[in-house]
């Protein structure tokens, strides 16, 4: 199938599919005329990549996961280790975002938001002591 059909079936834009080919994540066959010829297996790999990227896996993590996807003798422990590492990164990021939210929420709560020039938000961004 051509790239347009593969794009429709995988849900990925042709530009992304070409990028994945350029970096070696997929390797479609070439037809006699030199055009890419995608198989259903390529479409499955593209869908796999789309879901993996949607869950936040990096390109290199996707490369590892694709390798394991293709390995029928893989150990699920390897897959689980990659997923657990990603989960730990997500948990750290969530904690960081929660901390940022708490600080900003505190600053907003203490800003009068009126015509006075005093503003705890500006003071906080400037590194000055803010209202506790």
C-alpha atoms as a PDB file:
ATOM      1  CA  UNK A   1       0.000   0.000   0.000  1.00  0.00           C
ATOM      2  CA  UNK A   2       1.169   3.573  -0.535  1.00  0.00           C
ATOM      3  CA  UNK A   3       2.002   6.059   2.196  1.00  0.00           C
ATOM      4  CA  UNK A   4      -1.413   7.725   2.013  1.00  0.00           C
ATOM      5  CA  UNK A   5      -3.193   4.457   2.689  1.00  0.00           C
ATOM      6  CA  UNK A   6      -0.713   3.557   5.437  1.00  0.00           C
ATOM      7  CA  UNK A   7      -1.322   7.002   6.966  1.00  0.00           C
ATOM      8  CA  UNK A   8      -5.087   6.507   6.892  1.00  0.00           C
ATOM      9  CA  UNK A   9      -4.861   3.049   8.429  1.00  0.00           C
ATOM     10  CA  UNK A  10      -2.322   3.974  11.098  1.00  0.00           C
ATOM     11  CA  UNK A  11      -3.700   7.385  12.031  1.00  0.00           C
ATOM     12  CA  UNK A  12      -0.302   9.022  11.507  1.00  0.00           C
ATOM     13  CA  UNK A  13       0.466  11.778   9.013  1.00  0.00           C
ATOM     14  CA  UNK A  14       2.710  10.862   6.068  1.00  0.00           C
ATOM     15  CA  UNK A  15       5.390  13.266   7.352  1.00  0.00           C
ATOM     16  CA  UNK A  16       5.628  11.318  10.618  1.00  0.00           C
ATOM     17  CA  UNK A  17       5.763   8.025   8.750  1.00  0.00           C
ATOM     18  CA  UNK A  18       8.625   9.326   6.606  1.00  0.00           C
ATOM     19  CA  UNK A  19      10.414  10.514   9.745  1.00  0.00           C
ATOM     20  CA  UNK A  20      10.048   7.088  11.357  1.00  0.00           C
ATOM     21  CA  UNK A  21      11.492   5.571   8.199  1.00  0.00           C
ATOM     22  CA  UNK A  22      14.377   8.079   8.132  1.00  0.00           C
ATOM     23  CA  UNK A  23      15.377   7.163  11.695  1.00  0.00           C
ATOM     24  CA  UNK A  24      14.995   3.443  11.059  1.00  0.00           C
ATOM     25  CA  UNK A  25      11.907   2.640  13.132  1.00  0.00           C
ATOM     26  CA  UNK A  26      10.165   1.172  10.114  1.00  0.00           C
ATOM     27  CA  UNK A  27      11.546  -0.174   6.866  1.00  0.00           C
ATOM     28  CA  UNK A  28       8.896  -0.486   4.177  1.00  0.00           C
ATOM     29  CA  UNK A  29       9.651  -2.380   1.004  1.00  0.00           C
ATOM     30  CA  UNK A  30      10.105  -0.524  -2.254  1.00  0.00           C
ATOM     31  CA  UNK A  31       7.917  -1.279  -5.236  1.00  0.00           C
ATOM     32  CA  UNK A  32       9.404  -1.698  -8.700  1.00  0.00           C
ATOM     33  CA  UNK A  33       8.837   1.988  -9.374  1.00  0.00           C
ATOM     34  CA  UNK A  34      10.815   2.937  -6.246  1.00  0.00           C
ATOM     35  CA  UNK A  35       7.799   4.019  -4.218  1.00  0.00           C
ATOM     36  CA  UNK A  36       7.398   2.891  -0.639  1.00  0.00           C
ATOM     37  CA  UNK A  37       5.218  -0.190  -0.312  1.00  0.00           C
ATOM     38  CA  UNK A  38       3.784  -0.536   3.191  1.00  0.00           C
ATOM     39  CA  UNK A  39       2.533  -3.871   4.473  1.00  0.00           C
ATOM     40  CA  UNK A  40      -0.099  -4.511   7.125  1.00  0.00           C
ATOM     41  CA  UNK A  41       2.799  -5.364   9.465  1.00  0.00           C
ATOM     42  CA  UNK A  42       4.174  -1.863   8.822  1.00  0.00           C
ATOM     43  CA  UNK A  43       0.751  -0.420   9.690  1.00  0.00           C
ATOM     44  CA  UNK A  44       0.699  -2.461  12.922  1.00  0.00           C
ATOM     45  CA  UNK A  45       4.158  -1.131  13.798  1.00  0.00           C
ATOM     46  CA  UNK A  46       3.012   2.428  13.033  1.00  0.00           C
ATOM     47  CA  UNK A  47      -0.023   2.019  15.295  1.00  0.00           C
ATOM     48  CA  UNK A  48       2.271   0.583  17.969  1.00  0.00           C
ATOM     49  CA  UNK A  49       4.495   3.648  17.620  1.00  0.00           C
ATOM     50  CA  UNK A  50       1.535   6.007  17.760  1.00  0.00           C
ATOM     51  CA  UNK A  51       0.247   4.457  20.994  1.00  0.00           C
ATOM     52  CA  UNK A  52       3.746   4.316  22.495  1.00  0.00           C
ATOM     53  CA  UNK A  53       4.459   7.951  21.686  1.00  0.00           C
ATOM     54  CA  UNK A  54       1.010   8.871  23.008  1.00  0.00           C
ATOM     55  CA  UNK A  55       2.008   7.338  26.345  1.00  0.00           C
ATOM     56  CA  UNK A  56       5.111   9.508  26.407  1.00  0.00           C
ATOM     57  CA  UNK A  57       7.764   7.010  25.363  1.00  0.00           C
ATOM     58  CA  UNK A  58      10.743   8.629  23.669  1.00  0.00           C
ATOM     59  CA  UNK A  59      11.863   7.629  20.189  1.00  0.00           C
ATOM     60  CA  UNK A  60      14.671   5.547  21.685  1.00  0.00           C
ATOM     61  CA  UNK A  61      12.304   3.865  24.121  1.00  0.00           C
ATOM     62  CA  UNK A  62      10.010   3.141  21.175  1.00  0.00           C
ATOM     63  CA  UNK A  63      12.963   1.625  19.347  1.00  0.00           C
ATOM     64  CA  UNK A  64      13.527  -0.729  22.300  1.00  0.00           C
ATOM     65  CA  UNK A  65       9.830  -1.550  22.564  1.00  0.00           C
ATOM     66  CA  UNK A  66       9.569  -2.228  18.832  1.00  0.00           C
ATOM     67  CA  UNK A  67      12.529  -4.566  19.075  1.00  0.00           C
ATOM     68  CA  UNK A  68      10.803  -6.432  21.880  1.00  0.00           C
ATOM     69  CA  UNK A  69       7.497  -6.360  19.961  1.00  0.00           C
ATOM     70  CA  UNK A  70       9.208  -8.145  17.089  1.00  0.00           C
ATOM     71  CA  UNK A  71      10.989 -10.644  19.341  1.00  0.00           C
ATOM     72  CA  UNK A  72       8.638 -13.560  19.929  1.00  0.00           C
ATOM     73  CA  UNK A  73      11.099 -14.955  22.499  1.00  0.00           C
ATOM     74  CA  UNK A  74      11.237 -11.752  24.546  1.00  0.00           C
ATOM     75  CA  UNK A  75      10.914 -11.775  28.284  1.00  0.00           C
ATOM     76  CA  UNK A  76       8.054  -9.668  29.543  1.00  0.00           C
ATOM     77  CA  UNK A  77      10.357  -8.521  32.350  1.00  0.00           C
ATOM     78  CA  UNK A  78      12.255  -6.416  29.805  1.00  0.00           C
ATOM     79  CA  UNK A  79       9.064  -4.733  28.629  1.00  0.00           C
ATOM     80  CA  UNK A  80       7.902  -4.186  32.188  1.00  0.00           C
ATOM     81  CA  UNK A  81      11.226  -2.603  33.160  1.00  0.00           C
ATOM     82  CA  UNK A  82      10.920  -0.040  30.357  1.00  0.00           C
ATOM     83  CA  UNK A  83       7.322   0.737  31.315  1.00  0.00           C
ATOM     84  CA  UNK A  84       8.181   1.005  35.014  1.00  0.00           C
ATOM     85  CA  UNK A  85      11.029   3.420  34.257  1.00  0.00           C
ATOM     86  CA  UNK A  86       8.630   5.571  32.212  1.00  0.00           C
ATOM     87  CA  UNK A  87       6.069   5.441  35.005  1.00  0.00           C
ATOM     88  CA  UNK A  88       8.663   6.653  37.516  1.00  0.00           C
ATOM     89  CA  UNK A  89       9.530   9.588  35.218  1.00  0.00           C
ATOM     90  CA  UNK A  90       5.856  10.469  34.904  1.00  0.00           C
ATOM     91  CA  UNK A  91       5.406  10.327  38.695  1.00  0.00           C
ATOM     92  CA  UNK A  92       8.424  12.633  39.179  1.00  0.00           C
ATOM     93  CA  UNK A  93       7.046  15.060  36.603  1.00  0.00           C
ATOM     94  CA  UNK A  94       3.614  15.011  38.248  1.00  0.00           C
ATOM     95  CA  UNK A  95       5.183  15.810  41.627  1.00  0.00           C
ATOM     96  CA  UNK A  96       7.144  18.651  40.050  1.00  0.00           C
ATOM     97  CA  UNK A  97       4.020  20.023  38.366  1.00  0.00           C
ATOM     98  CA  UNK A  98       2.067  19.760  41.624  1.00  0.00           C
ATOM     99  CA  UNK A  99       4.775  21.786  43.356  1.00  0.00           C
ATOM    100  CA  UNK A 100       4.626  24.435  40.638  1.00  0.00           C
ATOM    101  CA  UNK A 101       0.854  24.509  40.903  1.00  0.00           C
ATOM    102  CA  UNK A 102       1.000  24.958  44.680  1.00  0.00           C
ATOM    103  CA  UNK A 103       3.431  27.886  44.437  1.00  0.00           C
ATOM    104  CA  UNK A 104       1.440  29.614  41.716  1.00  0.00           C
ATOM    105  CA  UNK A 105      -1.849  28.989  43.520  1.00  0.00           C
ATOM    106  CA  UNK A 106      -0.365  30.562  46.659  1.00  0.00           C
ATOM    107  CA  UNK A 107       0.827  33.625  44.730  1.00  0.00           C
ATOM    108  CA  UNK A 108      -2.522  34.072  42.986  1.00  0.00           C
ATOM    109  CA  UNK A 109      -4.420  33.710  46.262  1.00  0.00           C
ATOM    110  CA  UNK A 110      -2.369  36.482  47.839  1.00  0.00           C
ATOM    111  CA  UNK A 111      -2.597  38.954  44.970  1.00  0.00           C
ATOM    112  CA  UNK A 112      -5.375  41.517  45.417  1.00  0.00           C
ATOM    113  CA  UNK A 113      -5.788  41.914  41.674  1.00  0.00           C
ATOM    114  CA  UNK A 114      -6.876  45.523  42.029  1.00  0.00           C
ATOM    115  CA  UNK A 115      -5.449  48.951  41.184  1.00  0.00           C
ATOM    116  CA  UNK A 116      -2.683  48.788  43.820  1.00  0.00           C
ATOM    117  CA  UNK A 117       0.896  48.311  42.555  1.00  0.00           C
ATOM    118  CA  UNK A 118       1.810  45.689  45.165  1.00  0.00           C
ATOM    119  CA  UNK A 119       1.694  42.264  43.608  1.00  0.00           C
ATOM    120  CA  UNK A 120       2.883  39.055  45.291  1.00  0.00           C
ATOM    121  CA  UNK A 121       3.005  37.350  41.889  1.00  0.00           C
ATOM    122  CA  UNK A 122       5.539  39.859  40.548  1.00  0.00           C
ATOM    123  CA  UNK A 123       7.449  39.732  43.838  1.00  0.00           C
ATOM    124  CA  UNK A 124       7.503  35.938  43.731  1.00  0.00           C
ATOM    125  CA  UNK A 125       8.728  35.884  40.143  1.00  0.00           C
ATOM    126  CA  UNK A 126      11.401  38.409  41.073  1.00  0.00           C
ATOM    127  CA  UNK A 127      12.551  36.150  43.916  1.00  0.00           C
ATOM    128  CA  UNK A 128      11.435  38.504  46.636  1.00  0.00           C
ATOM    129  CA  UNK A 129       9.894  37.272  49.851  1.00  0.00           C
ATOM    130  CA  UNK A 130       6.192  36.582  49.396  1.00  0.00           C
ATOM    131  CA  UNK A 131       3.277  36.436  51.780  1.00  0.00           C
ATOM    132  CA  UNK A 132       3.259  33.198  53.753  1.00  0.00           C
END
